[in-house]
Each structure stands twice: as C-alpha cells, then as structure tokens.
Amino acid sequence: MNFEKQFVLDNSTAVPLSAQLSTRATVLTVGFANQWILDKGLVVGVDWLVLSVNVSESHEFRVLPNTTNLSASELSRYDSDIQEGADLLNDLSGLPGILILTVGWAF
C-alpha cells in the first residue's frame, strides 16, 4: 500500500511525502456462530460474536525518494508518523466483530 501524507515542516510549509507500506498481523480468533446449508448448496452463516487478538505484528516501509529537503529530525518525525499508521492498520485487523453475515455456495 502506498502511504501518502502532507507533512508540515517546522516553518509551516507543507511537503507531500509518500512511502510504500506493508503490514502483517497474525490474529487469533474465537467466535460463536451458526451455519445453515440450504437446498442446492446455498450456505448462510451468522457469526454472533467474534473475539480477536493480535498475536504478532510487523511492518515494513520504504520512504520514496522525495525527502531531500528534510532535516534529520523532520525525517525522524516522518518515520514515526508512518510507524503510527502501520500500528493503526495492524490494530484494526484485531478488532472484534458482532453479527457477521456470510453467504456462500457449497458444492
């Protein structure tokens, strides 16, 4: 995924910066559900409650080469902003769920 941000420098100048971001999360999930197989293979399922927790998380990012005008402290702040974005994506993958409907076909 490409991560793009308007990065504001210390002198209030906005610089558009981007990075390639890849996140991975291993999620342990336990749920309570029902599943029905109807005539001719139609499958309907309802997950009443799904509890999830992230077991492991990782991320990789590569800043695209448009950071030449940034000082070392500004580049460090930009890297921490990307870190926060990666952490948010990994945290979203471990959110619990309520009333998840699935429809499929069994053959």
PDB file of N, CA and C in Angstrom:
ATOM      1  N   MET A   1       0.844  -1.162   0.000  1.00  0.00           N
ATOM      2  CA  MET A   1       0.000   0.000   0.000  1.00  0.00           C
ATOM      3  C   MET A   1       0.886   1.219   0.000  1.00  0.00           C
ATOM      4  N   ASN A   2       0.464   2.235  -0.706  1.00  0.00           N
ATOM      5  CA  ASN A   2       1.192   3.493  -0.708  1.00  0.00           C
ATOM      6  C   ASN A   2       0.622   4.387   0.383  1.00  0.00           C
ATOM      7  N   PHE A   3       1.503   4.949   1.177  1.00  0.00           N
ATOM      8  CA  PHE A   3       1.156   5.825   2.287  1.00  0.00           C
ATOM      9  C   PHE A   3       1.537   7.229   1.868  1.00  0.00           C
ATOM     10  N   GLU A   4       0.561   8.129   1.780  1.00  0.00           N
ATOM     11  CA  GLU A   4       0.850   9.491   1.373  1.00  0.00           C
ATOM     12  C   GLU A   4       0.359  10.453   2.439  1.00  0.00           C
ATOM     13  N   LYS A   5       1.139  11.512   2.649  1.00  0.00           N
ATOM     14  CA  LYS A   5       0.822  12.443   3.717  1.00  0.00           C
ATOM     15  C   LYS A   5       1.325  13.824   3.355  1.00  0.00           C
ATOM     16  N   GLN A   6       0.551  14.825   3.749  1.00  0.00           N
ATOM     17  CA  GLN A   6       1.041  16.198   3.668  1.00  0.00           C
ATOM     18  C   GLN A   6       1.826  16.443   4.946  1.00  0.00           C
ATOM     19  N   PHE A   7       3.133  16.473   4.852  1.00  0.00           N
ATOM     20  CA  PHE A   7       3.998  16.611   6.012  1.00  0.00           C
ATOM     21  C   PHE A   7       4.304  18.088   6.216  1.00  0.00           C
ATOM     22  N   VAL A   8       4.006  18.606   7.406  1.00  0.00           N
ATOM     23  CA  VAL A   8       4.209  20.026   7.693  1.00  0.00           C
ATOM     24  C   VAL A   8       5.558  20.188   8.379  1.00  0.00           C
ATOM     25  N   LEU A   9       6.414  20.981   7.758  1.00  0.00           N
ATOM     26  CA  LEU A   9       7.731  21.249   8.323  1.00  0.00           C
ATOM     27  C   LEU A   9       7.612  22.237   9.477  1.00  0.00           C
ATOM     28  N   ASP A  10       8.705  22.453  10.190  1.00  0.00           N
ATOM     29  CA  ASP A  10       8.694  23.362  11.336  1.00  0.00           C
ATOM     30  C   ASP A  10       8.322  24.786  10.964  1.00  0.00           C
ATOM     31  N   ASN A  11       8.593  25.192   9.730  1.00  0.00           N
ATOM     32  CA  ASN A  11       8.262  26.556   9.318  1.00  0.00           C
ATOM     33  C   ASN A  11       6.895  26.626   8.644  1.00  0.00           C
ATOM     34  N   SER A  12       6.010  25.678   8.922  1.00  0.00           N
ATOM     35  CA  SER A  12       4.623  25.620   8.442  1.00  0.00           C
ATOM     36  C   SER A  12       4.497  25.421   6.934  1.00  0.00           C
ATOM     37  N   THR A  13       5.532  24.948   6.278  1.00  0.00           N
ATOM     38  CA  THR A  13       5.470  24.626   4.859  1.00  0.00           C
ATOM     39  C   THR A  13       5.060  23.172   4.714  1.00  0.00           C
ATOM     40  N   ALA A  14       4.050  22.906   3.880  1.00  0.00           N
ATOM     41  CA  ALA A  14       3.571  21.539   3.671  1.00  0.00           C
ATOM     42  C   ALA A  14       4.327  20.911   2.512  1.00  0.00           C
ATOM     43  N   VAL A  15       4.821  19.695   2.743  1.00  0.00           N
ATOM     44  CA  VAL A  15       5.549  18.946   1.727  1.00  0.00           C
ATOM     45  C   VAL A  15       4.830  17.620   1.528  1.00  0.00           C
ATOM     46  N   PRO A  16       4.388  17.290   0.306  1.00  0.00           N
ATOM     47  CA  PRO A  16       3.763  15.981   0.092  1.00  0.00           C
ATOM     48  C   PRO A  16       4.837  14.889   0.067  1.00  0.00           C
ATOM     49  N   LEU A  17       4.699  13.908   0.937  1.00  0.00           N
ATOM     50  CA  LEU A  17       5.648  12.798   1.009  1.00  0.00           C
ATOM     51  C   LEU A  17       4.883  11.490   0.871  1.00  0.00           C
ATOM     52  N   SER A  18       5.569  10.466   0.417  1.00  0.00           N
ATOM     53  CA  SER A  18       4.922   9.162   0.284  1.00  0.00           C
ATOM     54  C   SER A  18       5.914   8.060   0.610  1.00  0.00           C
ATOM     55  N   ALA A  19       5.359   6.907   0.957  1.00  0.00           N
ATOM     56  CA  ALA A  19       6.162   5.730   1.285  1.00  0.00           C
ATOM     57  C   ALA A  19       5.375   4.506   0.859  1.00  0.00           C
ATOM     58  N   GLN A  20       6.073   3.411   0.639  1.00  0.00           N
ATOM     59  CA  GLN A  20       5.425   2.128   0.401  1.00  0.00           C
ATOM     60  C   GLN A  20       5.378   1.400   1.736  1.00  0.00           C
ATOM     61  N   LEU A  21       4.175   1.033   2.157  1.00  0.00           N
ATOM     62  CA  LEU A  21       3.948   0.457   3.474  1.00  0.00           C
ATOM     63  C   LEU A  21       3.370  -0.936   3.328  1.00  0.00           C
ATOM     64  N   SER A  22       3.943  -1.879   4.061  1.00  0.00           N
ATOM     65  CA  SER A  22       3.444  -3.253   4.090  1.00  0.00           C
ATOM     66  C   SER A  22       3.317  -3.667   5.552  1.00  0.00           C
ATOM     67  N   THR A  23       2.132  -4.132   5.946  1.00  0.00           N
ATOM     68  CA  THR A  23       1.917  -4.567   7.326  1.00  0.00           C
ATOM     69  C   THR A  23       1.483  -6.025   7.338  1.00  0.00           C
ATOM     70  N   ARG A  24       1.823  -6.702   8.425  1.00  0.00           N
ATOM     71  CA  ARG A  24       1.408  -8.098   8.627  1.00  0.00           C
ATOM     72  C   ARG A  24       0.975  -8.261  10.078  1.00  0.00           C
ATOM     73  N   ALA A  25      -0.102  -9.000  10.266  1.00  0.00           N
ATOM     74  CA  ALA A  25      -0.578  -9.298  11.612  1.00  0.00           C
ATOM     75  C   ALA A  25      -1.082 -10.733  11.643  1.00  0.00           C
ATOM     76  N   THR A  26      -0.686 -11.456  12.664  1.00  0.00           N
ATOM     77  CA  THR A  26      -1.226 -12.785  12.917  1.00  0.00           C
ATOM     78  C   THR A  26      -2.288 -12.619  13.992  1.00  0.00           C
ATOM     79  N   VAL A  27      -3.523 -13.019  13.677  1.00  0.00           N
ATOM     80  CA  VAL A  27      -4.657 -12.760  14.550  1.00  0.00           C
ATOM     81  C   VAL A  27      -5.231 -14.085  15.031  1.00  0.00           C
ATOM     82  N   LEU A  28      -5.375 -14.220  16.331  1.00  0.00           N
ATOM     83  CA  LEU A  28      -6.036 -15.380  16.938  1.00  0.00           C
ATOM     84  C   LEU A  28      -7.501 -15.008  17.121  1.00  0.00           C
ATOM     85  N   THR A  29      -8.399 -15.830  16.560  1.00  0.00           N
ATOM     86  CA  THR A  29      -9.821 -15.511  16.561  1.00  0.00           C
ATOM     87  C   THR A  29     -10.628 -16.671  17.128  1.00  0.00           C
ATOM     88  N   VAL A  30     -11.562 -16.341  18.004  1.00  0.00           N
ATOM     89  CA  VAL A  30     -12.513 -17.302  18.557  1.00  0.00           C
ATOM     90  C   VAL A  30     -13.892 -16.698  18.363  1.00  0.00           C
ATOM     91  N   GLY A  31     -14.830 -17.518  17.865  1.00  0.00           N
ATOM     92  CA  GLY A  31     -16.153 -16.976  17.600  1.00  0.00           C
ATOM     93  C   GLY A  31     -17.267 -17.943  17.938  1.00  0.00           C
ATOM     94  N   PHE A  32     -18.446 -17.398  18.062  1.00  0.00           N
ATOM     95  CA  PHE A  32     -19.663 -18.166  18.278  1.00  0.00           C
ATOM     96  C   PHE A  32     -20.564 -17.906  17.080  1.00  0.00           C
ATOM     97  N   ALA A  33     -20.937 -19.003  16.374  1.00  0.00           N
ATOM     98  CA  ALA A  33     -21.637 -18.807  15.108  1.00  0.00           C
ATOM     99  C   ALA A  33     -22.586 -19.962  14.816  1.00  0.00           C
ATOM    100  N   ASN A  34     -23.455 -19.712  13.853  1.00  0.00           N
ATOM    101  CA  ASN A  34     -24.305 -20.741  13.278  1.00  0.00           C
ATOM    102  C   ASN A  34     -24.107 -20.736  11.773  1.00  0.00           C
ATOM    103  N   GLN A  35     -24.286 -21.937  11.179  1.00  0.00           N
ATOM    104  CA  GLN A  35     -24.184 -22.037   9.729  1.00  0.00           C
ATOM    105  C   GLN A  35     -25.265 -22.993   9.256  1.00  0.00           C
ATOM    106  N   TRP A  36     -25.948 -22.587   8.189  1.00  0.00           N
ATOM    107  CA  TRP A  36     -27.008 -23.402   7.623  1.00  0.00           C
ATOM    108  C   TRP A  36     -26.690 -23.684   6.161  1.00  0.00           C
ATOM    109  N   ILE A  37     -26.848 -24.945   5.756  1.00  0.00           N
ATOM    110  CA  ILE A  37     -26.714 -25.316   4.352  1.00  0.00           C
ATOM    111  C   ILE A  37     -28.118 -25.633   3.846  1.00  0.00           C
ATOM    112  N   LEU A  38     -28.572 -24.825   2.912  1.00  0.00           N
ATOM    113  CA  LEU A  38     -29.912 -24.957   2.376  1.00  0.00           C
ATOM    114  C   LEU A  38     -29.885 -25.842   1.139  1.00  0.00           C
ATOM    115  N   ASP A  39     -31.056 -26.105   0.583  1.00  0.00           N
ATOM    116  CA  ASP A  39     -31.149 -26.917  -0.626  1.00  0.00           C
ATOM    117  C   ASP A  39     -30.310 -26.328  -1.744  1.00  0.00           C
ATOM    118  N   LYS A  40     -29.790 -27.187  -2.572  1.00  0.00           N
ATOM    119  CA  LYS A  40     -28.982 -26.834  -3.732  1.00  0.00           C
ATOM    120  C   LYS A  40     -27.680 -26.125  -3.368  1.00  0.00           C
ATOM    121  N   GLY A  41     -27.214 -26.265  -2.116  1.00  0.00           N
ATOM    122  CA  GLY A  41     -25.882 -25.819  -1.742  1.00  0.00           C
ATOM    123  C   GLY A  41     -25.725 -24.408  -1.221  1.00  0.00           C
ATOM    124  N   LEU A  42     -26.786 -23.653  -1.073  1.00  0.00           N
ATOM    125  CA  LEU A  42     -26.672 -22.301  -0.548  1.00  0.00           C
ATOM    126  C   LEU A  42     -26.300 -22.364   0.931  1.00  0.00           C
ATOM    127  N   VAL A  43     -25.240 -21.646   1.320  1.00  0.00           N
ATOM    128  CA  VAL A  43     -24.761 -21.644   2.702  1.00  0.00           C
ATOM    129  C   VAL A  43     -24.955 -20.249   3.282  1.00  0.00           C
ATOM    130  N   VAL A  44     -25.607 -20.181   4.443  1.00  0.00           N
ATOM    131  CA  VAL A  44     -25.810 -18.919   5.146  1.00  0.00           C
ATOM    132  C   VAL A  44     -25.220 -19.082   6.541  1.00  0.00           C
ATOM    133  N   GLY A  45     -24.403 -18.127   6.945  1.00  0.00           N
ATOM    134  CA  GLY A  45     -23.793 -18.187   8.263  1.00  0.00           C
ATOM    135  C   GLY A  45     -23.911 -16.859   8.980  1.00  0.00           C
ATOM    136  N   VAL A  46     -24.034 -16.930  10.300  1.00  0.00           N
ATOM    137  CA  VAL A  46     -24.053 -15.737  11.138  1.00  0.00           C
ATOM    138  C   VAL A  46     -23.057 -15.959  12.261  1.00  0.00           C
ATOM    139  N   ASP A  47     -22.062 -15.079  12.338  1.00  0.00           N
ATOM    140  CA  ASP A  47     -21.129 -15.081  13.461  1.00  0.00           C
ATOM    141  C   ASP A  47     -21.687 -14.103  14.487  1.00  0.00           C
ATOM    142  N   TRP A  48     -22.151 -14.631  15.615  1.00  0.00           N
ATOM    143  CA  TRP A  48     -22.801 -13.791  16.610  1.00  0.00           C
ATOM    144  C   TRP A  48     -21.791 -12.935  17.360  1.00  0.00           C
ATOM    145  N   LEU A  49     -20.646 -13.491  17.666  1.00  0.00           N
ATOM    146  CA  LEU A  49     -19.606 -12.769  18.389  1.00  0.00           C
ATOM    147  C   LEU A  49     -18.262 -13.337  17.975  1.00  0.00           C
ATOM    148  N   VAL A  50     -17.350 -12.475  17.568  1.00  0.00           N
ATOM    149  CA  VAL A  50     -16.011 -12.880  17.167  1.00  0.00           C
ATOM    150  C   VAL A  50     -15.020 -12.078  18.004  1.00  0.00           C
ATOM    151  N   LEU A  51     -14.224 -12.780  18.810  1.00  0.00           N
ATOM    152  CA  LEU A  51     -13.204 -12.138  19.630  1.00  0.00           C
ATOM    153  C   LEU A  51     -11.849 -12.385  18.986  1.00  0.00           C
ATOM    154  N   SER A  52     -11.070 -11.333  18.832  1.00  0.00           N
ATOM    155  CA  SER A  52      -9.780 -11.442  18.158  1.00  0.00           C
ATOM    156  C   SER A  52      -8.707 -10.737  18.972  1.00  0.00           C
ATOM    157  N   VAL A  53      -7.493 -11.237  18.847  1.00  0.00           N
ATOM    158  CA  VAL A  53      -6.333 -10.590  19.467  1.00  0.00           C
ATOM    159  C   VAL A  53      -5.144 -10.772  18.531  1.00  0.00           C
ATOM    160  N   ASN A  54      -4.353  -9.729  18.370  1.00  0.00           N
ATOM    161  CA  ASN A  54      -3.159  -9.817  17.538  1.00  0.00           C
ATOM    162  C   ASN A  54      -2.074 -10.570  18.304  1.00  0.00           C
ATOM    163  N   VAL A  55      -1.597 -11.660  17.702  1.00  0.00           N
ATOM    164  CA  VAL A  55      -0.531 -12.455  18.312  1.00  0.00           C
ATOM    165  C   VAL A  55       0.825 -11.870  17.946  1.00  0.00           C
ATOM    166  N   SER A  56       0.985 -11.477  16.702  1.00  0.00           N
ATOM    167  CA  SER A  56       2.229 -10.835  16.273  1.00  0.00           C
ATOM    168  C   SER A  56       1.916  -9.797  15.206  1.00  0.00           C
ATOM    169  N   GLU A  57       2.737  -8.779  15.169  1.00  0.00           N
ATOM    170  CA  GLU A  57       2.580  -7.705  14.206  1.00  0.00           C
ATOM    171  C   GLU A  57       3.942  -7.342  13.635  1.00  0.00           C
ATOM    172  N   SER A  58       3.965  -6.958  12.379  1.00  0.00           N
ATOM    173  CA  SER A  58       5.193  -6.440  11.786  1.00  0.00           C
ATOM    174  C   SER A  58       4.822  -5.477  10.673  1.00  0.00           C
ATOM    175  N   HIS A  59       5.767  -4.661  10.324  1.00  0.00           N
ATOM    176  CA  HIS A  59       5.556  -3.746   9.211  1.00  0.00           C
ATOM    177  C   HIS A  59       6.900  -3.426   8.573  1.00  0.00           C
ATOM    178  N   GLU A  60       6.823  -3.076   7.324  1.00  0.00           N
ATOM    179  CA  GLU A  60       7.990  -2.636   6.574  1.00  0.00           C
ATOM    180  C   GLU A  60       7.574  -1.412   5.779  1.00  0.00           C
ATOM    181  N   PHE A  61       8.443  -0.429   5.717  1.00  0.00           N
ATOM    182  CA  PHE A  61       8.147   0.712   4.868  1.00  0.00           C
ATOM    183  C   PHE A  61       9.428   1.228   4.239  1.00  0.00           C
ATOM    184  N   ARG A  62       9.237   1.775   3.075  1.00  0.00           N
ATOM    185  CA  ARG A  62      10.351   2.365   2.334  1.00  0.00           C
ATOM    186  C   ARG A  62       9.896   3.742   1.894  1.00  0.00           C
ATOM    187  N   VAL A  63      10.608   4.753   2.362  1.00  0.00           N
ATOM    188  CA  VAL A  63      10.279   6.123   2.006  1.00  0.00           C
ATOM    189  C   VAL A  63      10.714   6.349   0.563  1.00  0.00           C
ATOM    190  N   LEU A  64       9.789   6.838  -0.237  1.00  0.00           N
ATOM    191  CA  LEU A  64      10.109   7.116  -1.632  1.00  0.00           C
ATOM    192  C   LEU A  64      11.031   8.339  -1.708  1.00  0.00           C
ATOM    193  N   PRO A  65      11.859   8.421  -2.726  1.00  0.00           N
ATOM    194  CA  PRO A  65      12.955   9.401  -2.732  1.00  0.00           C
ATOM    195  C   PRO A  65      12.523  10.848  -2.978  1.00  0.00           C
ATOM    196  N   ASN A  66      11.687  11.376  -2.087  1.00  0.00           N
ATOM    197  CA  ASN A  66      11.316  12.776  -2.197  1.00  0.00           C
ATOM    198  C   ASN A  66      11.532  13.487  -0.866  1.00  0.00           C
ATOM    199  N   THR A  67      12.509  13.042  -0.081  1.00  0.00           N
ATOM    200  CA  THR A  67      12.759  13.596   1.246  1.00  0.00           C
ATOM    201  C   THR A  67      14.046  14.406   1.295  1.00  0.00           C
ATOM    202  N   THR A  68      14.531  14.875   0.159  1.00  0.00           N
ATOM    203  CA  THR A  68      15.824  15.555   0.129  1.00  0.00           C
ATOM    204  C   THR A  68      15.813  16.875   0.874  1.00  0.00           C
ATOM    205  N   ASN A  69      14.662  17.519   1.014  1.00  0.00           N
ATOM    206  CA  ASN A  69      14.598  18.819   1.688  1.00  0.00           C
ATOM    207  C   ASN A  69      14.348  18.703   3.187  1.00  0.00           C
ATOM    208  N   LEU A  70      14.311  17.490   3.728  1.00  0.00           N
ATOM    209  CA  LEU A  70      14.019  17.304   5.149  1.00  0.00           C
ATOM    210  C   LEU A  70      15.304  17.209   5.958  1.00  0.00           C
ATOM    211  N   SER A  71      15.264  17.801   7.148  1.00  0.00           N
ATOM    212  CA  SER A  71      16.383  17.639   8.072  1.00  0.00           C
ATOM    213  C   SER A  71      16.280  16.264   8.731  1.00  0.00           C
ATOM    214  N   ALA A  72      17.294  15.897   9.496  1.00  0.00           N
ATOM    215  CA  ALA A  72      17.291  14.586  10.159  1.00  0.00           C
ATOM    216  C   ALA A  72      16.151  14.479  11.171  1.00  0.00           C
ATOM    217  N   SER A  73      15.854  15.553  11.909  1.00  0.00           N
ATOM    218  CA  SER A  73      14.760  15.498  12.890  1.00  0.00           C
ATOM    219  C   SER A  73      13.403  15.415  12.201  1.00  0.00           C
ATOM    220  N   GLU A  74      13.242  16.104  11.058  1.00  0.00           N
ATOM    221  CA  GLU A  74      11.984  16.039  10.319  1.00  0.00           C
ATOM    222  C   GLU A  74      11.786  14.658   9.708  1.00  0.00           C
ATOM    223  N   LEU A  75      12.850  14.064   9.213  1.00  0.00           N
ATOM    224  CA  LEU A  75      12.761  12.720   8.658  1.00  0.00           C
ATOM    225  C   LEU A  75      12.430  11.706   9.745  1.00  0.00           C
ATOM    226  N   SER A  76      12.988  11.881  10.932  1.00  0.00           N
ATOM    227  CA  SER A  76      12.667  11.004  12.057  1.00  0.00           C
ATOM    228  C   SER A  76      11.201  11.146  12.448  1.00  0.00           C
ATOM    229  N   ARG A  77      10.690  12.384  12.452  1.00  0.00           N
ATOM    230  CA  ARG A  77       9.275  12.599  12.771  1.00  0.00           C
ATOM    231  C   ARG A  77       8.380  11.979  11.712  1.00  0.00           C
ATOM    232  N   TYR A  78       8.774  12.062  10.449  1.00  0.00           N
ATOM    233  CA  TYR A  78       8.015  11.448   9.355  1.00  0.00           C
ATOM    234  C   TYR A  78       8.001   9.932   9.506  1.00  0.00           C
ATOM    235  N   ASP A  79       9.144   9.341   9.850  1.00  0.00           N
ATOM    236  CA  ASP A  79       9.203   7.895  10.077  1.00  0.00           C
ATOM    237  C   ASP A  79       8.292   7.477  11.223  1.00  0.00           C
ATOM    238  N   SER A  80       8.222   8.292  12.285  1.00  0.00           N
ATOM    239  CA  SER A  80       7.335   7.942  13.400  1.00  0.00           C
ATOM    240  C   SER A  80       5.869   8.058  12.994  1.00  0.00           C
ATOM    241  N   ASP A  81       5.540   8.997  12.093  1.00  0.00           N
ATOM    242  CA  ASP A  81       4.166   9.091  11.583  1.00  0.00           C
ATOM    243  C   ASP A  81       3.793   7.847  10.792  1.00  0.00           C
ATOM    244  N   ILE A  82       4.718   7.339   9.979  1.00  0.00           N
ATOM    245  CA  ILE A  82       4.459   6.105   9.229  1.00  0.00           C
ATOM    246  C   ILE A  82       4.305   4.939  10.197  1.00  0.00           C
ATOM    247  N   GLN A  83       5.118   4.916  11.257  1.00  0.00           N
ATOM    248  CA  GLN A  83       5.018   3.872  12.288  1.00  0.00           C
ATOM    249  C   GLN A  83       3.620   3.880  12.910  1.00  0.00           C
ATOM    250  N   GLU A  84       3.098   5.060  13.221  1.00  0.00           N
ATOM    251  CA  GLU A  84       1.756   5.172  13.795  1.00  0.00           C
ATOM    252  C   GLU A  84       0.699   4.663  12.822  1.00  0.00           C
ATOM    253  N   GLY A  85       0.851   4.967  11.534  1.00  0.00           N
ATOM    254  CA  GLY A  85      -0.090   4.466  10.529  1.00  0.00           C
ATOM    255  C   GLY A  85      -0.062   2.955  10.429  1.00  0.00           C
ATOM    256  N   ALA A  86       1.136   2.360  10.474  1.00  0.00           N
ATOM    257  CA  ALA A  86       1.265   0.904  10.419  1.00  0.00           C
ATOM    258  C   ALA A  86       0.655   0.262  11.663  1.00  0.00           C
ATOM    259  N   ASP A  87       0.887   0.858  12.825  1.00  0.00           N
ATOM    260  CA  ASP A  87       0.306   0.323  14.060  1.00  0.00           C
ATOM    261  C   ASP A  87      -1.217   0.383  14.024  1.00  0.00           C
ATOM    262  N   LEU A  88      -1.775   1.458  13.467  1.00  0.00           N
ATOM    263  CA  LEU A  88      -3.229   1.573  13.363  1.00  0.00           C
ATOM    264  C   LEU A  88      -3.800   0.485  12.457  1.00  0.00           C
ATOM    265  N   LEU A  89      -3.165   0.236  11.304  1.00  0.00           N
ATOM    266  CA  LEU A  89      -3.645  -0.821  10.405  1.00  0.00           C
ATOM    267  C   LEU A  89      -3.594  -2.189  11.076  1.00  0.00           C
ATOM    268  N   ASN A  90      -2.518  -2.479  11.804  1.00  0.00           N
ATOM    269  CA  ASN A  90      -2.422  -3.764  12.490  1.00  0.00           C
ATOM    270  C   ASN A  90      -3.451  -3.873  13.609  1.00  0.00           C
ATOM    271  N   ASP A  91      -3.713  -2.774  14.329  1.00  0.00           N
ATOM    272  CA  ASP A  91      -4.717  -2.811  15.389  1.00  0.00           C
ATOM    273  C   ASP A  91      -6.117  -3.034  14.824  1.00  0.00           C
ATOM    274  N   LEU A  92      -6.407  -2.467  13.670  1.00  0.00           N
ATOM    275  CA  LEU A  92      -7.721  -2.665  13.044  1.00  0.00           C
ATOM    276  C   LEU A  92      -7.954  -4.124  12.673  1.00  0.00           C
ATOM    277  N   SER A  93      -6.888  -4.847  12.329  1.00  0.00           N
ATOM    278  CA  SER A  93      -7.059  -6.249  11.937  1.00  0.00           C
ATOM    279  C   SER A  93      -7.441  -7.133  13.116  1.00  0.00           C
ATOM    280  N   GLY A  94      -7.234  -6.677  14.340  1.00  0.00           N
ATOM    281  CA  GLY A  94      -7.575  -7.471  15.508  1.00  0.00           C
ATOM    282  C   GLY A  94      -8.841  -7.042  16.207  1.00  0.00           C
ATOM    283  N   LEU A  95      -9.666  -6.228  15.561  1.00  0.00           N
ATOM    284  CA  LEU A  95     -10.904  -5.779  16.194  1.00  0.00           C
ATOM    285  C   LEU A  95     -11.918  -6.920  16.288  1.00  0.00           C
ATOM    286  N   PRO A  96     -12.707  -6.961  17.362  1.00  0.00           N
ATOM    287  CA  PRO A  96     -13.754  -7.975  17.467  1.00  0.00           C
ATOM    288  C   PRO A  96     -14.905  -7.661  16.520  1.00  0.00           C
ATOM    289  N   GLY A  97     -15.775  -8.643  16.308  1.00  0.00           N
ATOM    290  CA  GLY A  97     -16.913  -8.456  15.417  1.00  0.00           C
ATOM    291  C   GLY A  97     -18.199  -8.949  16.047  1.00  0.00           C
ATOM    292  N   ILE A  98     -19.297  -8.370  15.621  1.00  0.00           N
ATOM    293  CA  ILE A  98     -20.632  -8.761  16.088  1.00  0.00           C
ATOM    294  C   ILE A  98     -21.535  -8.862  14.869  1.00  0.00           C
ATOM    295  N   LEU A  99     -22.307  -9.933  14.783  1.00  0.00           N
ATOM    296  CA  LEU A  99     -23.296 -10.154  13.728  1.00  0.00           C
ATOM    297  C   LEU A  99     -22.690 -10.044  12.328  1.00  0.00           C
ATOM    298  N   ILE A 100     -21.786 -10.942  12.034  1.00  0.00           N
ATOM    299  CA  ILE A 100     -21.161 -11.005  10.713  1.00  0.00           C
ATOM    300  C   ILE A 100     -21.935 -12.014   9.882  1.00  0.00           C
ATOM    301  N   LEU A 101     -22.477 -11.577   8.764  1.00  0.00           N
ATOM    302  CA  LEU A 101     -23.276 -12.429   7.892  1.00  0.00           C
ATOM    303  C   LEU A 101     -22.413 -12.919   6.735  1.00  0.00           C
ATOM    304  N   THR A 102     -22.460 -14.216   6.474  1.00  0.00           N
ATOM    305  CA  THR A 102     -21.753 -14.779   5.323  1.00  0.00           C
ATOM    306  C   THR A 102     -22.752 -15.562   4.477  1.00  0.00           C
ATOM    307  N   VAL A 103     -22.563 -15.461   3.180  1.00  0.00           N
ATOM    308  CA  VAL A 103     -23.392 -16.203   2.241  1.00  0.00           C
ATOM    309  C   VAL A 103     -22.430 -16.865   1.249  1.00  0.00           C
ATOM    310  N   GLY A 104     -22.647 -18.137   0.987  1.00  0.00           N
ATOM    311  CA  GLY A 104     -21.760 -18.841   0.067  1.00  0.00           C
ATOM    312  C   GLY A 104     -22.460 -19.968  -0.647  1.00  0.00           C
ATOM    313  N   TRP A 105     -21.676 -20.783  -1.302  1.00  0.00           N
ATOM    314  CA  TRP A 105     -22.192 -21.891  -2.088  1.00  0.00           C
ATOM    315  C   TRP A 105     -21.345 -23.120  -1.803  1.00  0.00           C
ATOM    316  N   ALA A 106     -21.958 -24.200  -1.443  1.00  0.00           N
ATOM    317  CA  ALA A 106     -21.255 -25.455  -1.196  1.00  0.00           C
ATOM    318  C   ALA A 106     -21.531 -26.395  -2.360  1.00  0.00           C
ATOM    319  N   PHE A 107     -20.475 -27.038  -2.829  1.00  0.00           N
ATOM    320  CA  PHE A 107     -20.649 -27.984  -3.937  1.00  0.00           C
ATOM    321  C   PHE A 107     -19.806 -29.209  -3.716  1.00  0.00           C
TER     322      PHE A 107
END
